[in-house]
Amino acid sequence: MKTLKWISVGACALAPAFAMGTTLETVQSRDSVRCGVNAAQPGFSSLDDSDQYRGLDTDICRAVAAAALGDASKVDFVPLDSVERFTALQSGEVDLLSRTTTWTSSRDTTLGMHFTGVSYFDGQAFMVASDLGVQSAEELDGAAVCTQSGTTSELNLSDYFRMNDMSYDAVVFDSPEQSIAGFEAGRCDVLSSDASQLYAQRMQLADPDMAVVLPEIISKEPLGPAVRQGDDQWFNIVKWSLFAMLNAEELDVSSSNIDEHADSANPDIARLLGQDGNFGEGMGLNADWAYQIIKQVGNYAEIYDRNVGAGSNFNIARGLNALWRDGGIQYAPPIR
């Protein structure tokens, strides 16, 4: 897998590439999916000791490559910061954005992009220095708060403090690395971001026990992959790649047992694996598109557990990200 980093270019310069055909045709001609990701958010997207991108978001990219190309390894990861991510998607620098990005109305309607689903239900929280003795966000009146520019966190902070008749001093940084460094250096009392990112940043501290994440969640942050508007076929491929992993978990089909279901009598499993009908045909994919995702990447429980859940250093409970049948709100439409 290659990691690419390009200077963003204007849409006009890339127009000839778009004229060649649909995104799927371009991806198949190139033989890779260009996926915009976070450069350094452990659990979601970061480089491991072997210089390979790992994380829940990067596994979404791999799932799309498995569906579209039959090979989950055919991904070119493009690290993007929070400011350049939308331009990169709009201009065609990437085919897909899978970068802890919150689905909002303005982003979905005015930025030329469509979200394809929710890969992780999150919410904004606060992390404070342990020695402050703060137990609740309601005690943060007058605090200096570190946050990141170009994110929904800035607006959420303003809304929260205004609604609770409190004041704060915003200390704004351009990247997660800068914000956690500022917090650790004492430039602010509080660091505020999505709870998932705070858990990852806490692990990056020289002494993780120096900080604690407060219990309050002050916003809805549904995170998910996004694609450019105007290509319904590619929109469907990315959307159903996520849905396939969720359906597989619900049907107890995993990367380790999928071949045991080769002749399954369960009609839902037979349709999922392409044994009964070709539900990839409408997206321009092979009948075994979902089989390739599950076999090579896993179902949703597998990618959750190994990246942020019980099989990771974070051990984040499934919570809202559990399936609907298990008390969460993750739910996928059926394949039929």
C-alpha atoms as a PDB file:
ATOM      1  CA  MET A   1       0.000   0.000   0.000  1.00  0.00           C
ATOM      2  CA  LYS A   2       1.295   3.394  -0.971  1.00  0.00           C
ATOM      3  CA  THR A   3       1.059   6.581   1.022  1.00  0.00           C
ATOM      4  CA  LEU A   4       0.668   9.674  -1.119  1.00  0.00           C
ATOM      5  CA  LYS A   5       0.867  13.347  -0.264  1.00  0.00           C
ATOM      6  CA  TRP A   6       0.256  15.818  -3.026  1.00  0.00           C
ATOM      7  CA  ILE A   7      -0.148  19.538  -3.242  1.00  0.00           C
ATOM      8  CA  SER A   8      -3.843  20.220  -3.750  1.00  0.00           C
ATOM      9  CA  VAL A   9      -4.626  21.407  -7.235  1.00  0.00           C
ATOM     10  CA  GLY A  10      -7.658  23.112  -8.694  1.00  0.00           C
ATOM     11  CA  ALA A  11     -10.601  21.252 -10.111  1.00  0.00           C
ATOM     12  CA  CYS A  12      -9.932  22.642 -13.579  1.00  0.00           C
ATOM     13  CA  ALA A  13      -6.521  21.014 -13.688  1.00  0.00           C
ATOM     14  CA  LEU A  14      -8.118  17.654 -12.933  1.00  0.00           C
ATOM     15  CA  ALA A  15     -11.088  18.003 -15.291  1.00  0.00           C
ATOM     16  CA  PRO A  16      -9.577  15.784 -18.037  1.00  0.00           C
ATOM     17  CA  ALA A  17      -9.315  12.887 -15.551  1.00  0.00           C
ATOM     18  CA  PHE A  18     -13.004  13.206 -14.710  1.00  0.00           C
ATOM     19  CA  ALA A  19     -13.934  13.187 -18.396  1.00  0.00           C
ATOM     20  CA  MET A  20     -12.540   9.671 -18.723  1.00  0.00           C
ATOM     21  CA  GLY A  21     -15.557   8.126 -17.001  1.00  0.00           C
ATOM     22  CA  THR A  22     -17.087   7.296 -13.657  1.00  0.00           C
ATOM     23  CA  THR A  23     -15.120   7.095 -10.426  1.00  0.00           C
ATOM     24  CA  LEU A  24     -15.312   3.293 -10.547  1.00  0.00           C
ATOM     25  CA  GLU A  25     -13.877   3.272 -14.078  1.00  0.00           C
ATOM     26  CA  THR A  26     -11.099   5.611 -12.981  1.00  0.00           C
ATOM     27  CA  VAL A  27     -10.344   3.479  -9.927  1.00  0.00           C
ATOM     28  CA  GLN A  28     -10.299   0.293 -11.987  1.00  0.00           C
ATOM     29  CA  SER A  29      -8.084   1.872 -14.644  1.00  0.00           C
ATOM     30  CA  ARG A  30      -5.673   3.111 -11.980  1.00  0.00           C
ATOM     31  CA  ASP A  31      -6.019  -0.193 -10.086  1.00  0.00           C
ATOM     32  CA  SER A  32      -6.199   1.570  -6.731  1.00  0.00           C
ATOM     33  CA  VAL A  33      -8.504   3.627  -4.534  1.00  0.00           C
ATOM     34  CA  ARG A  34      -7.151   7.011  -3.427  1.00  0.00           C
ATOM     35  CA  CYS A  35      -8.433   7.493   0.108  1.00  0.00           C
ATOM     36  CA  GLY A  36      -8.051  10.677   2.169  1.00  0.00           C
ATOM     37  CA  VAL A  37      -7.274   9.886   5.808  1.00  0.00           C
ATOM     38  CA  ASN A  38      -5.990  11.415   9.019  1.00  0.00           C
ATOM     39  CA  ALA A  39      -2.210  11.401   9.293  1.00  0.00           C
ATOM     40  CA  ALA A  40      -2.012  10.619  12.996  1.00  0.00           C
ATOM     41  CA  GLN A  41      -5.101   9.570  14.926  1.00  0.00           C
ATOM     42  CA  PRO A  42      -4.392   6.176  16.483  1.00  0.00           C
ATOM     43  CA  GLY A  43      -7.366   3.863  16.375  1.00  0.00           C
ATOM     44  CA  PHE A  44      -8.776   5.553  13.288  1.00  0.00           C
ATOM     45  CA  SER A  45      -5.837   6.313  11.026  1.00  0.00           C
ATOM     46  CA  SER A  46      -2.135   6.351  11.825  1.00  0.00           C
ATOM     47  CA  LEU A  47       1.099   4.741  10.705  1.00  0.00           C
ATOM     48  CA  ASP A  48       2.209   1.637  12.574  1.00  0.00           C
ATOM     49  CA  ASP A  49       5.773   0.486  13.222  1.00  0.00           C
ATOM     50  CA  SER A  50       5.899  -0.968   9.706  1.00  0.00           C
ATOM     51  CA  ASP A  51       4.928   2.376   8.151  1.00  0.00           C
ATOM     52  CA  GLN A  52       1.468   1.037   7.234  1.00  0.00           C
ATOM     53  CA  TYR A  53      -1.752   2.900   7.894  1.00  0.00           C
ATOM     54  CA  ARG A  54      -3.965   1.204  10.473  1.00  0.00           C
ATOM     55  CA  GLY A  55      -7.311   2.162  11.979  1.00  0.00           C
ATOM     56  CA  LEU A  56     -11.065   1.978  11.644  1.00  0.00           C
ATOM     57  CA  ASP A  57     -11.157   4.670   8.952  1.00  0.00           C
ATOM     58  CA  THR A  58      -8.417   3.033   6.926  1.00  0.00           C
ATOM     59  CA  ASP A  59     -10.248  -0.297   7.096  1.00  0.00           C
ATOM     60  CA  ILE A  60     -13.240   1.423   5.484  1.00  0.00           C
ATOM     61  CA  CYS A  61     -10.911   2.353   2.615  1.00  0.00           C
ATOM     62  CA  ARG A  62      -9.728  -1.246   2.368  1.00  0.00           C
ATOM     63  CA  ALA A  63     -13.308  -2.491   2.285  1.00  0.00           C
ATOM     64  CA  VAL A  64     -14.070  -0.242  -0.685  1.00  0.00           C
ATOM     65  CA  ALA A  65     -10.950  -1.485  -2.494  1.00  0.00           C
ATOM     66  CA  ALA A  66     -11.973  -5.096  -1.824  1.00  0.00           C
ATOM     67  CA  ALA A  67     -15.435  -4.426  -3.296  1.00  0.00           C
ATOM     68  CA  ALA A  68     -14.288  -2.398  -6.299  1.00  0.00           C
ATOM     69  CA  LEU A  69     -11.024  -4.172  -7.148  1.00  0.00           C
ATOM     70  CA  GLY A  70     -11.207  -7.505  -5.346  1.00  0.00           C
ATOM     71  CA  ASP A  71      -8.072  -6.604  -3.366  1.00  0.00           C
ATOM     72  CA  ALA A  72      -8.170  -4.747  -0.057  1.00  0.00           C
ATOM     73  CA  SER A  73      -4.493  -3.813  -0.329  1.00  0.00           C
ATOM     74  CA  LYS A  74      -5.002  -1.650  -3.407  1.00  0.00           C
ATOM     75  CA  VAL A  75      -5.354   1.645  -1.532  1.00  0.00           C
ATOM     76  CA  ASP A  76      -3.262   4.785  -1.891  1.00  0.00           C
ATOM     77  CA  PHE A  77      -3.622   6.563   1.460  1.00  0.00           C
ATOM     78  CA  VAL A  78      -3.458  10.348   1.214  1.00  0.00           C
ATOM     79  CA  PRO A  79      -2.884  12.038   4.611  1.00  0.00           C
ATOM     80  CA  LEU A  80      -4.925  15.250   4.881  1.00  0.00           C
ATOM     81  CA  ASP A  81      -5.355  17.833   7.612  1.00  0.00           C
ATOM     82  CA  SER A  82      -8.752  19.134   8.705  1.00  0.00           C
ATOM     83  CA  VAL A  83      -8.550  22.230   6.495  1.00  0.00           C
ATOM     84  CA  GLU A  84      -7.484  20.633   3.207  1.00  0.00           C
ATOM     85  CA  ARG A  85      -9.618  17.468   3.397  1.00  0.00           C
ATOM     86  CA  PHE A  86     -12.696  18.906   1.677  1.00  0.00           C
ATOM     87  CA  THR A  87     -10.766  20.558  -1.141  1.00  0.00           C
ATOM     88  CA  ALA A  88      -8.937  17.301  -1.765  1.00  0.00           C
ATOM     89  CA  LEU A  89     -12.232  15.455  -2.197  1.00  0.00           C
ATOM     90  CA  GLN A  90     -13.881  18.190  -4.273  1.00  0.00           C
ATOM     91  CA  SER A  91     -10.924  18.527  -6.655  1.00  0.00           C
ATOM     92  CA  GLY A  92     -10.515  14.815  -7.248  1.00  0.00           C
ATOM     93  CA  GLU A  93      -7.260  14.436  -5.366  1.00  0.00           C
ATOM     94  CA  VAL A  94      -8.953  11.556  -3.549  1.00  0.00           C
ATOM     95  CA  ASP A  95     -11.832   9.240  -4.514  1.00  0.00           C
ATOM     96  CA  LEU A  96     -13.048   8.878  -0.960  1.00  0.00           C
ATOM     97  CA  LEU A  97     -12.677  10.741   2.322  1.00  0.00           C
ATOM     98  CA  SER A  98     -12.539   8.501   5.405  1.00  0.00           C
ATOM     99  CA  ARG A  99     -11.120  10.849   8.001  1.00  0.00           C
ATOM    100  CA  THR A 100     -13.089  11.144  11.280  1.00  0.00           C
ATOM    101  CA  THR A 101     -15.343  13.672   9.564  1.00  0.00           C
ATOM    102  CA  THR A 102     -18.677  14.693  11.096  1.00  0.00           C
ATOM    103  CA  TRP A 103     -21.772  14.441   8.919  1.00  0.00           C
ATOM    104  CA  THR A 104     -23.529  17.823   9.077  1.00  0.00           C
ATOM    105  CA  SER A 105     -26.212  19.484   6.972  1.00  0.00           C
ATOM    106  CA  SER A 106     -23.915  22.194   5.600  1.00  0.00           C
ATOM    107  CA  ARG A 107     -21.191  19.752   4.616  1.00  0.00           C
ATOM    108  CA  ASP A 108     -23.727  17.449   2.988  1.00  0.00           C
ATOM    109  CA  THR A 109     -25.436  20.185   0.986  1.00  0.00           C
ATOM    110  CA  THR A 110     -22.943  22.962   0.204  1.00  0.00           C
ATOM    111  CA  LEU A 111     -19.506  21.352  -0.156  1.00  0.00           C
ATOM    112  CA  GLY A 112     -20.184  19.145  -3.185  1.00  0.00           C
ATOM    113  CA  MET A 113     -19.969  15.973  -1.144  1.00  0.00           C
ATOM    114  CA  HIS A 114     -22.255  13.232   0.157  1.00  0.00           C
ATOM    115  CA  PHE A 115     -21.801  11.200   3.324  1.00  0.00           C
ATOM    116  CA  THR A 116     -22.403   7.515   2.745  1.00  0.00           C
ATOM    117  CA  GLY A 117     -23.157   6.318   6.273  1.00  0.00           C
ATOM    118  CA  VAL A 118     -21.972   6.453   9.877  1.00  0.00           C
ATOM    119  CA  SER A 119     -18.927   4.331  10.620  1.00  0.00           C
ATOM    120  CA  TYR A 120     -18.606   5.630  14.202  1.00  0.00           C
ATOM    121  CA  PHE A 121     -21.123   7.473  16.398  1.00  0.00           C
ATOM    122  CA  ASP A 122     -19.132   9.993  18.422  1.00  0.00           C
ATOM    123  CA  GLY A 123     -19.593  13.182  20.437  1.00  0.00           C
ATOM    124  CA  GLN A 124     -17.470  16.098  21.592  1.00  0.00           C
ATOM    125  CA  ALA A 125     -16.004  15.928  25.078  1.00  0.00           C
ATOM    126  CA  PHE A 126     -13.410  17.616  27.320  1.00  0.00           C
ATOM    127  CA  MET A 127     -10.065  16.388  28.607  1.00  0.00           C
ATOM    128  CA  VAL A 128      -8.539  18.203  31.585  1.00  0.00           C
ATOM    129  CA  ALA A 129      -5.355  17.991  33.592  1.00  0.00           C
ATOM    130  CA  SER A 130      -5.906  15.571  36.467  1.00  0.00           C
ATOM    131  CA  ASP A 131      -4.347  17.887  39.043  1.00  0.00           C
ATOM    132  CA  LEU A 132      -7.079  20.481  38.449  1.00  0.00           C
ATOM    133  CA  GLY A 133      -9.531  18.242  40.274  1.00  0.00           C
ATOM    134  CA  VAL A 134     -12.331  19.075  37.821  1.00  0.00           C
ATOM    135  CA  GLN A 135     -15.163  16.537  37.808  1.00  0.00           C
ATOM    136  CA  SER A 136     -17.608  18.127  35.365  1.00  0.00           C
ATOM    137  CA  ALA A 137     -17.614  20.387  32.323  1.00  0.00           C
ATOM    138  CA  GLU A 138     -19.868  22.725  34.300  1.00  0.00           C
ATOM    139  CA  GLU A 139     -16.768  23.692  36.332  1.00  0.00           C
ATOM    140  CA  LEU A 140     -14.896  25.067  33.302  1.00  0.00           C
ATOM    141  CA  ASP A 141     -16.038  28.699  33.488  1.00  0.00           C
ATOM    142  CA  GLY A 142     -13.101  30.931  32.492  1.00  0.00           C
ATOM    143  CA  ALA A 143     -10.912  28.051  31.313  1.00  0.00           C
ATOM    144  CA  ALA A 144      -8.450  28.212  28.443  1.00  0.00           C
ATOM    145  CA  VAL A 145      -9.568  25.561  25.939  1.00  0.00           C
ATOM    146  CA  CYS A 146      -7.370  24.084  23.221  1.00  0.00           C
ATOM    147  CA  THR A 147      -9.146  23.008  20.064  1.00  0.00           C
ATOM    148  CA  GLN A 148      -8.473  22.482  16.377  1.00  0.00           C
ATOM    149  CA  SER A 149      -9.290  24.861  13.531  1.00  0.00           C
ATOM    150  CA  GLY A 150     -11.468  23.776  10.639  1.00  0.00           C
ATOM    151  CA  THR A 151     -13.515  21.367  12.764  1.00  0.00           C
ATOM    152  CA  THR A 152     -17.022  21.297  14.206  1.00  0.00           C
ATOM    153  CA  SER A 153     -15.439  21.558  17.668  1.00  0.00           C
ATOM    154  CA  GLU A 154     -15.058  25.327  17.452  1.00  0.00           C
ATOM    155  CA  LEU A 155     -18.788  25.949  16.947  1.00  0.00           C
ATOM    156  CA  ASN A 156     -19.752  23.345  19.548  1.00  0.00           C
ATOM    157  CA  LEU A 157     -17.534  25.019  22.147  1.00  0.00           C
ATOM    158  CA  SER A 158     -19.083  28.405  21.507  1.00  0.00           C
ATOM    159  CA  ASP A 159     -22.596  26.956  21.727  1.00  0.00           C
ATOM    160  CA  TYR A 160     -21.904  25.023  24.939  1.00  0.00           C
ATOM    161  CA  PHE A 161     -20.321  27.864  26.887  1.00  0.00           C
ATOM    162  CA  ARG A 162     -22.927  30.386  25.710  1.00  0.00           C
ATOM    163  CA  MET A 163     -25.838  28.102  26.618  1.00  0.00           C
ATOM    164  CA  ASN A 164     -24.355  27.503  30.079  1.00  0.00           C
ATOM    165  CA  ASP A 165     -23.611  31.205  30.639  1.00  0.00           C
ATOM    166  CA  MET A 166     -19.873  30.562  30.951  1.00  0.00           C
ATOM    167  CA  SER A 167     -16.821  32.150  29.375  1.00  0.00           C
ATOM    168  CA  TYR A 168     -13.660  30.588  27.960  1.00  0.00           C
ATOM    169  CA  ASP A 169     -10.495  31.507  26.082  1.00  0.00           C
ATOM    170  CA  ALA A 170     -10.041  29.579  22.860  1.00  0.00           C
ATOM    171  CA  VAL A 171      -6.508  28.423  22.001  1.00  0.00           C
ATOM    172  CA  VAL A 172      -6.724  27.236  18.394  1.00  0.00           C
ATOM    173  CA  PHE A 173      -4.261  24.962  16.615  1.00  0.00           C
ATOM    174  CA  ASP A 174      -4.042  23.670  13.054  1.00  0.00           C
ATOM    175  CA  SER A 175      -3.551  19.977  13.807  1.00  0.00           C
ATOM    176  CA  PRO A 176      -4.218  17.346  16.496  1.00  0.00           C
ATOM    177  CA  GLU A 177      -0.478  17.045  17.079  1.00  0.00           C
ATOM    178  CA  GLN A 178      -0.198  20.758  17.837  1.00  0.00           C
ATOM    179  CA  SER A 179      -3.264  20.775  20.072  1.00  0.00           C
ATOM    180  CA  ILE A 180      -2.107  17.875  22.254  1.00  0.00           C
ATOM    181  CA  ALA A 181       1.379  19.401  22.459  1.00  0.00           C
ATOM    182  CA  GLY A 182      -0.157  22.701  23.567  1.00  0.00           C
ATOM    183  CA  PHE A 183      -2.236  20.941  26.196  1.00  0.00           C
ATOM    184  CA  GLU A 184       0.735  18.970  27.501  1.00  0.00           C
ATOM    185  CA  ALA A 185       2.834  22.152  27.633  1.00  0.00           C
ATOM    186  CA  GLY A 186       0.198  23.887  29.748  1.00  0.00           C
ATOM    187  CA  ARG A 187      -0.950  26.408  27.155  1.00  0.00           C
ATOM    188  CA  CYS A 188      -4.531  25.502  28.038  1.00  0.00           C
ATOM    189  CA  ASP A 189      -6.416  23.922  30.932  1.00  0.00           C
ATOM    190  CA  VAL A 190      -8.691  21.869  28.709  1.00  0.00           C
ATOM    191  CA  LEU A 191      -8.529  20.078  25.372  1.00  0.00           C
ATOM    192  CA  SER A 192     -11.827  19.643  23.556  1.00  0.00           C
ATOM    193  CA  SER A 193     -12.500  17.425  20.551  1.00  0.00           C
ATOM    194  CA  ASP A 194     -14.433  14.301  19.644  1.00  0.00           C
ATOM    195  CA  ALA A 195     -14.226  11.796  22.486  1.00  0.00           C
ATOM    196  CA  SER A 196     -12.606   9.242  20.184  1.00  0.00           C
ATOM    197  CA  GLN A 197      -9.792  11.647  19.409  1.00  0.00           C
ATOM    198  CA  LEU A 198      -9.325  12.590  23.051  1.00  0.00           C
ATOM    199  CA  TYR A 199      -8.852   8.934  24.023  1.00  0.00           C
ATOM    200  CA  ALA A 200      -6.223   8.613  21.299  1.00  0.00           C
ATOM    201  CA  GLN A 201      -4.476  11.843  22.295  1.00  0.00           C
ATOM    202  CA  ARG A 202      -4.442  10.865  25.963  1.00  0.00           C
ATOM    203  CA  MET A 203      -2.506   7.723  25.020  1.00  0.00           C
ATOM    204  CA  GLN A 204       0.080   9.919  23.280  1.00  0.00           C
ATOM    205  CA  LEU A 205       0.918  11.864  26.454  1.00  0.00           C
ATOM    206  CA  ALA A 206       4.211  11.087  28.150  1.00  0.00           C
ATOM    207  CA  ASP A 207       2.099  10.367  31.238  1.00  0.00           C
ATOM    208  CA  PRO A 208      -1.502   9.462  30.278  1.00  0.00           C
ATOM    209  CA  ASP A 209      -2.494   9.664  33.961  1.00  0.00           C
ATOM    210  CA  MET A 210      -1.862  13.423  33.886  1.00  0.00           C
ATOM    211  CA  ALA A 211      -5.218  13.874  32.113  1.00  0.00           C
ATOM    212  CA  VAL A 212      -8.781  12.651  32.428  1.00  0.00           C
ATOM    213  CA  VAL A 213     -11.685  12.765  29.954  1.00  0.00           C
ATOM    214  CA  LEU A 214     -14.793  14.273  31.565  1.00  0.00           C
ATOM    215  CA  PRO A 215     -18.081  12.351  31.287  1.00  0.00           C
ATOM    216  CA  GLU A 216     -20.133  15.015  29.469  1.00  0.00           C
ATOM    217  CA  ILE A 217     -20.794  14.624  25.746  1.00  0.00           C
ATOM    218  CA  ILE A 218     -21.873  17.988  24.353  1.00  0.00           C
ATOM    219  CA  SER A 219     -22.680  17.221  20.727  1.00  0.00           C
ATOM    220  CA  LYS A 220     -23.663  14.641  18.155  1.00  0.00           C
ATOM    221  CA  GLU A 221     -20.708  13.742  15.941  1.00  0.00           C
ATOM    222  CA  PRO A 222     -21.694  11.014  13.464  1.00  0.00           C
ATOM    223  CA  LEU A 223     -18.439  10.196  11.688  1.00  0.00           C
ATOM    224  CA  GLY A 224     -18.401   8.560   8.292  1.00  0.00           C
ATOM    225  CA  PRO A 225     -16.943   8.321   4.807  1.00  0.00           C
ATOM    226  CA  ALA A 226     -17.833  10.834   2.119  1.00  0.00           C
ATOM    227  CA  VAL A 227     -17.650  11.010  -1.665  1.00  0.00           C
ATOM    228  CA  ARG A 228     -18.099  13.720  -4.284  1.00  0.00           C
ATOM    229  CA  GLN A 229     -21.607  14.495  -5.439  1.00  0.00           C
ATOM    230  CA  GLY A 230     -22.594  13.570  -8.962  1.00  0.00           C
ATOM    231  CA  ASP A 231     -21.608   9.887  -9.134  1.00  0.00           C
ATOM    232  CA  ASP A 232     -24.414   7.755  -7.731  1.00  0.00           C
ATOM    233  CA  GLN A 233     -22.666   4.512  -8.620  1.00  0.00           C
ATOM    234  CA  TRP A 234     -19.579   5.314  -6.511  1.00  0.00           C
ATOM    235  CA  PHE A 235     -21.804   6.681  -3.735  1.00  0.00           C
ATOM    236  CA  ASN A 236     -23.613   3.318  -3.640  1.00  0.00           C
ATOM    237  CA  ILE A 237     -20.378   1.309  -3.641  1.00  0.00           C
ATOM    238  CA  VAL A 238     -18.939   3.156  -0.636  1.00  0.00           C
ATOM    239  CA  LYS A 239     -22.275   3.127   1.199  1.00  0.00           C
ATOM    240  CA  TRP A 240     -22.902  -0.588   0.712  1.00  0.00           C
ATOM    241  CA  SER A 241     -19.329  -1.504   1.589  1.00  0.00           C
ATOM    242  CA  LEU A 242     -20.042  -0.266   5.124  1.00  0.00           C
ATOM    243  CA  PHE A 243     -23.510  -1.832   5.141  1.00  0.00           C
ATOM    244  CA  ALA A 244     -22.043  -5.189   4.099  1.00  0.00           C
ATOM    245  CA  MET A 245     -19.781  -5.241   7.165  1.00  0.00           C
ATOM    246  CA  LEU A 246     -22.677  -4.351   9.468  1.00  0.00           C
ATOM    247  CA  ASN A 247     -24.935  -7.002   7.913  1.00  0.00           C
ATOM    248  CA  ALA A 248     -22.149  -9.558   8.219  1.00  0.00           C
ATOM    249  CA  GLU A 249     -21.810  -8.900  11.949  1.00  0.00           C
ATOM    250  CA  GLU A 250     -25.554  -9.229  12.405  1.00  0.00           C
ATOM    251  CA  LEU A 251     -25.489 -12.563  10.564  1.00  0.00           C
ATOM    252  CA  ASP A 252     -22.439 -13.741  12.563  1.00  0.00           C
ATOM    253  CA  VAL A 253     -20.367 -14.005   9.394  1.00  0.00           C
ATOM    254  CA  SER A 254     -16.706 -13.099   9.939  1.00  0.00           C
ATOM    255  CA  SER A 255     -13.393 -13.322   8.117  1.00  0.00           C
ATOM    256  CA  SER A 256     -12.580 -16.506  10.026  1.00  0.00           C
ATOM    257  CA  ASN A 257     -15.805 -18.417   9.380  1.00  0.00           C
ATOM    258  CA  ILE A 258     -17.016 -17.018   6.048  1.00  0.00           C
ATOM    259  CA  ASP A 259     -15.987 -20.052   4.020  1.00  0.00           C
ATOM    260  CA  GLU A 260     -18.013 -22.271   6.322  1.00  0.00           C
ATOM    261  CA  HIS A 261     -21.075 -20.453   4.948  1.00  0.00           C
ATOM    262  CA  ALA A 262     -20.325 -21.341   1.332  1.00  0.00           C
ATOM    263  CA  ASP A 263     -23.553 -23.352   1.056  1.00  0.00           C
ATOM    264  CA  SER A 264     -25.564 -21.569   3.718  1.00  0.00           C
ATOM    265  CA  ALA A 265     -29.282 -22.324   3.900  1.00  0.00           C
ATOM    266  CA  ASN A 266     -29.848 -18.858   5.383  1.00  0.00           C
ATOM    267  CA  PRO A 267     -31.163 -16.733   2.490  1.00  0.00           C
ATOM    268  CA  ASP A 268     -29.759 -13.508   3.972  1.00  0.00           C
ATOM    269  CA  ILE A 269     -26.261 -15.005   4.109  1.00  0.00           C
ATOM    270  CA  ALA A 270     -26.619 -16.476   0.620  1.00  0.00           C
ATOM    271  CA  ARG A 271     -27.534 -13.056  -0.769  1.00  0.00           C
ATOM    272  CA  LEU A 272     -24.756 -11.331   1.175  1.00  0.00           C
ATOM    273  CA  LEU A 273     -22.107 -13.687  -0.196  1.00  0.00           C
ATOM    274  CA  GLY A 274     -23.388 -13.666  -3.784  1.00  0.00           C
ATOM    275  CA  GLN A 275     -24.638 -17.250  -3.742  1.00  0.00           C
ATOM    276  CA  ASP A 276     -28.253 -16.232  -4.372  1.00  0.00           C
ATOM    277  CA  GLY A 277     -28.558 -13.447  -6.930  1.00  0.00           C
ATOM    278  CA  ASN A 278     -26.025 -10.818  -7.977  1.00  0.00           C
ATOM    279  CA  PHE A 279     -26.539  -7.761  -5.812  1.00  0.00           C
ATOM    280  CA  GLY A 280     -23.276  -6.229  -6.999  1.00  0.00           C
ATOM    281  CA  GLU A 281     -24.478  -5.960 -10.580  1.00  0.00           C
ATOM    282  CA  GLY A 282     -26.411  -2.736  -9.979  1.00  0.00           C
ATOM    283  CA  MET A 283     -23.184  -1.115  -8.743  1.00  0.00           C
ATOM    284  CA  GLY A 284     -20.980  -2.504 -11.513  1.00  0.00           C
ATOM    285  CA  LEU A 285     -19.375  -5.018  -9.144  1.00  0.00           C
ATOM    286  CA  ASN A 286     -18.912  -8.765  -9.129  1.00  0.00           C
ATOM    287  CA  ALA A 287     -21.392 -10.987  -7.305  1.00  0.00           C
ATOM    288  CA  ASP A 288     -18.806 -11.716  -4.592  1.00  0.00           C
ATOM    289  CA  TRP A 289     -18.114  -8.053  -3.732  1.00  0.00           C
ATOM    290  CA  ALA A 290     -19.316  -8.447  -0.121  1.00  0.00           C
ATOM    291  CA  TYR A 291     -17.523 -11.780   0.280  1.00  0.00           C
ATOM    292  CA  GLN A 292     -14.253 -10.058  -0.645  1.00  0.00           C
ATOM    293  CA  ILE A 293     -14.850  -7.317   1.951  1.00  0.00           C
ATOM    294  CA  ILE A 294     -15.575  -9.735   4.781  1.00  0.00           C
ATOM    295  CA  LYS A 295     -12.881 -12.258   3.862  1.00  0.00           C
ATOM    296  CA  GLN A 296     -10.117  -9.659   3.491  1.00  0.00           C
ATOM    297  CA  VAL A 297     -11.138  -6.918   5.958  1.00  0.00           C
ATOM    298  CA  GLY A 298     -13.726  -8.423   8.291  1.00  0.00           C
ATOM    299  CA  ASN A 299     -17.178  -7.548   9.558  1.00  0.00           C
ATOM    300  CA  TYR A 300     -17.881  -4.367  11.535  1.00  0.00           C
ATOM    301  CA  ALA A 301     -17.221  -6.002  14.920  1.00  0.00           C
ATOM    302  CA  GLU A 302     -13.805  -7.136  13.711  1.00  0.00           C
ATOM    303  CA  ILE A 303     -12.664  -3.727  12.500  1.00  0.00           C
ATOM    304  CA  TYR A 304     -14.071  -2.053  15.625  1.00  0.00           C
ATOM    305  CA  ASP A 305     -12.476  -4.455  18.102  1.00  0.00           C
ATOM    306  CA  ARG A 306      -8.999  -4.517  16.598  1.00  0.00           C
ATOM    307  CA  ASN A 307      -8.764  -0.756  16.131  1.00  0.00           C
ATOM    308  CA  VAL A 308     -10.587   0.893  19.037  1.00  0.00           C
ATOM    309  CA  GLY A 309     -12.333  -1.860  20.999  1.00  0.00           C
ATOM    310  CA  ALA A 310     -11.373  -4.764  23.217  1.00  0.00           C
ATOM    311  CA  GLY A 311      -8.525  -5.881  20.987  1.00  0.00           C
ATOM    312  CA  SER A 312      -6.839  -2.469  21.024  1.00  0.00           C
ATOM    313  CA  ASN A 313      -5.068  -0.275  23.561  1.00  0.00           C
ATOM    314  CA  PHE A 314      -8.149   1.940  23.792  1.00  0.00           C
ATOM    315  CA  ASN A 315     -10.704  -0.683  24.813  1.00  0.00           C
ATOM    316  CA  ILE A 316     -13.603   1.659  24.022  1.00  0.00           C
ATOM    317  CA  ALA A 317     -16.959   0.018  24.734  1.00  0.00           C
ATOM    318  CA  ARG A 318     -19.232  -0.350  21.730  1.00  0.00           C
ATOM    319  CA  GLY A 319     -21.915   1.894  23.261  1.00  0.00           C
ATOM    320  CA  LEU A 320     -23.939   3.547  20.486  1.00  0.00           C
ATOM    321  CA  ASN A 321     -21.773   1.698  17.974  1.00  0.00           C
ATOM    322  CA  ALA A 322     -23.199  -1.658  19.013  1.00  0.00           C
ATOM    323  CA  LEU A 323     -25.716  -3.231  16.670  1.00  0.00           C
ATOM    324  CA  TRP A 324     -29.360  -2.286  17.174  1.00  0.00           C
ATOM    325  CA  ARG A 325     -30.045  -5.779  18.528  1.00  0.00           C
ATOM    326  CA  ASP A 326     -27.365  -5.299  21.209  1.00  0.00           C
ATOM    327  CA  GLY A 327     -28.531  -1.938  22.540  1.00  0.00           C
ATOM    328  CA  GLY A 328     -26.686   0.314  20.081  1.00  0.00           C
ATOM    329  CA  ILE A 329     -27.911   2.206  17.032  1.00  0.00           C
ATOM    330  CA  GLN A 330     -25.790   0.670  14.259  1.00  0.00           C
ATOM    331  CA  TYR A 331     -28.209  -0.641  11.673  1.00  0.00           C
ATOM    332  CA  ALA A 332     -27.831  -1.511   8.004  1.00  0.00           C
ATOM    333  CA  PRO A 333     -30.529  -2.000   5.365  1.00  0.00           C
ATOM    334  CA  PRO A 334     -30.793  -5.581   4.106  1.00  0.00           C
ATOM    335  CA  ILE A 335     -29.166  -6.912   0.957  1.00  0.00           C
ATOM    336  CA  ARG A 336     -32.021  -8.248  -1.152  1.00  0.00           C
END
